[in-house]
Amino acid sequence: MYRVIDQQPDFLLIDKSPGVSVHKDQAEGGLAMALEADFGESLHMVHRLDRMTSGLILFARHPRAAAQLAALFRERQVDKFYLALSDRKPNRKQGLVRGDMVRSRRGGWRLTKTLVNPALTQFSSVSVRANERLFLLRPLTGRTHQLRVALKSLGAPIIGDPAYHERLEGIEDRGYLHAWALDFELNGRRYRYRCDPAIGERFRTEAFAAALGLWRDPWALDWPAVPGLHSPQGQSR
């Protein structure tokens, strides 16, 4: 279900496996329950990943840290990067996806052209091989299914996404979305992590490794400033 990336007095950082629910579902106990059993302590969730999404997720180890970390996420003081693969060519190769998210008739979400309380996602992409494109996603807000809907709106739904890709579920070995990197400051110390995906046939190809090599330091990339929005570190960029 997971592997431990770091243990600090204030938090645990976990690499969640794909196909694992964070909470308990009808079929099995969730990641949070497994961690509490394995570590013998109560843990506090401060953000979430979808079941299909693998990668970095934080759990606070005491209530004070939970409040601090939750505030960092709420105030956009955590810089996050995700990786995704699509088998479709997007209508734009890089830029900003923004719009309000509303419920669709099929129970999922869709992006609208209105900007009342928009979801904001910066992205860049590069070709991996024929019919496969790698996306680097930088969410500036935290909405349910935000990244999955953003790529769907670009005409490039995530491979293996059971909700937003029209191919039949079960053809792929996983949904190809991975929480890759985190950066935040807590109690005067800066933490920065990057965790490459380890599960999924498409994530283990030489072509994928070569494409990912272009983005080894995602923080150093030239991310354009978003008007009216402050950076995750609290300064306009």
Foldseek 3Di string as FASTA:
>chain_A
DWDWDDDDLFKTKIWFDAQFAQQQDPPGGGPLVVVCVVVVAHWAFQDGDDNQETEIGMITRDDVSSVVSNVLQVQLLKWWKKKFKFLDDFPDQWDKQKADWDADPVGHIAGDPDVPPMWIKTKHWDDLDHSMIMMIIITSHDDVCRVQNRCLVRVTGGPQDCPRDPPHHPPFPGGGMYGAKMWHDDPRDIDIDGDQDDDGPVSPDPSNVVRCVVCPPVVPDDDDFDPPDAHSNGHTD
